[in-house]
Protein backbone atom coordinates (compact mmCIF):
# COMPACT_ATOMS: atom_id res chain seq x y z
CA UNK A 1 204.96 146.87 54.79
CA UNK A 2 203.19 150.13 54.05
CA UNK A 3 199.97 150.50 56.40
CA UNK A 4 200.06 154.24 56.83
CA UNK A 5 197.65 154.50 54.07
CA UNK A 6 194.55 152.70 55.33
CA UNK A 7 192.25 153.81 52.61
CA UNK A 8 193.93 151.15 50.24
CA UNK A 9 193.50 148.20 52.26
CA UNK A 10 190.55 146.01 52.16
CA UNK A 11 188.72 146.37 55.53
CA UNK A 12 188.92 142.43 56.39
CA UNK A 13 192.47 141.86 55.39
CA UNK A 14 193.68 145.06 57.58
CA UNK A 15 191.57 143.47 60.65
CA UNK A 16 193.91 140.26 59.98
CA UNK A 17 196.97 142.16 59.66
CA UNK A 18 196.40 144.51 62.56
CA UNK A 19 195.68 142.21 64.60
CA UNK A 20 198.48 139.86 64.00
CA UNK A 21 200.67 143.28 64.61
CA UNK A 22 199.30 143.64 68.10
CA UNK A 23 199.44 140.17 68.61
CA UNK A 24 203.33 139.65 67.81
CA UNK A 25 205.11 143.21 68.00
CA UNK A 26 203.04 145.78 69.73
CA UNK A 27 201.99 145.96 73.11
CA UNK A 28 199.46 148.51 72.46
CA UNK A 29 197.39 150.47 69.79
CA UNK A 30 199.81 153.75 70.78
CA UNK A 31 202.77 151.52 69.74
CA UNK A 32 201.37 150.48 66.62
CA UNK A 33 200.34 153.59 65.73
CA UNK A 34 203.93 154.97 66.36
CA UNK A 35 205.66 152.08 64.75
CA UNK A 36 203.91 152.01 61.17
CA UNK A 37 202.53 155.44 61.50
CA UNK A 38 199.00 154.89 61.43
CA UNK A 39 196.08 157.19 62.12
CA UNK A 40 194.38 155.41 65.17
CA UNK A 41 191.01 157.59 64.50
CA UNK A 42 191.04 156.46 60.96
CA UNK A 43 191.89 152.48 61.67
CA UNK A 44 189.20 152.77 64.34
CA UNK A 45 186.86 154.12 61.91
CA UNK A 46 187.33 151.65 59.02
CA UNK A 47 187.47 148.79 61.25
CA UNK A 48 184.06 149.98 63.10
CA UNK A 49 182.65 150.24 59.53
CA UNK A 50 182.94 146.51 58.90
CA UNK A 51 181.84 145.88 63.12
CA UNK A 52 184.94 145.73 64.87
CA UNK A 53 186.37 148.00 67.68
CA UNK A 54 189.65 147.92 69.63
CA UNK A 55 189.70 146.14 73.01
CA UNK A 56 192.56 147.23 75.19
CA UNK A 57 192.10 144.57 77.56
CA UNK A 58 193.21 141.97 75.07
CA UNK A 59 194.98 144.39 72.73
CA UNK A 60 193.23 143.35 69.73
CA UNK A 61 190.12 144.57 67.18
CA UNK A 62 187.29 142.22 68.08
CA UNK A 63 183.82 142.10 66.84
CA UNK A 64 181.28 144.99 68.51
CA UNK A 65 179.60 142.11 70.16
CA UNK A 66 182.45 141.08 72.83
């Protein structure tokens, strides 16, 4: 699955895929970035646009209201 080009993904679908990868395959967002060649700042910006931000304690993107 090519996640490197974030602009082609719908933000809500991307959120589900990214959180699944973080839960099952990667112990950190840095590992996810390295494994899938994802620009973390672009990912964070795209998901922030729909109200989510990365929570390092739970290793997932959560609604900003957490």
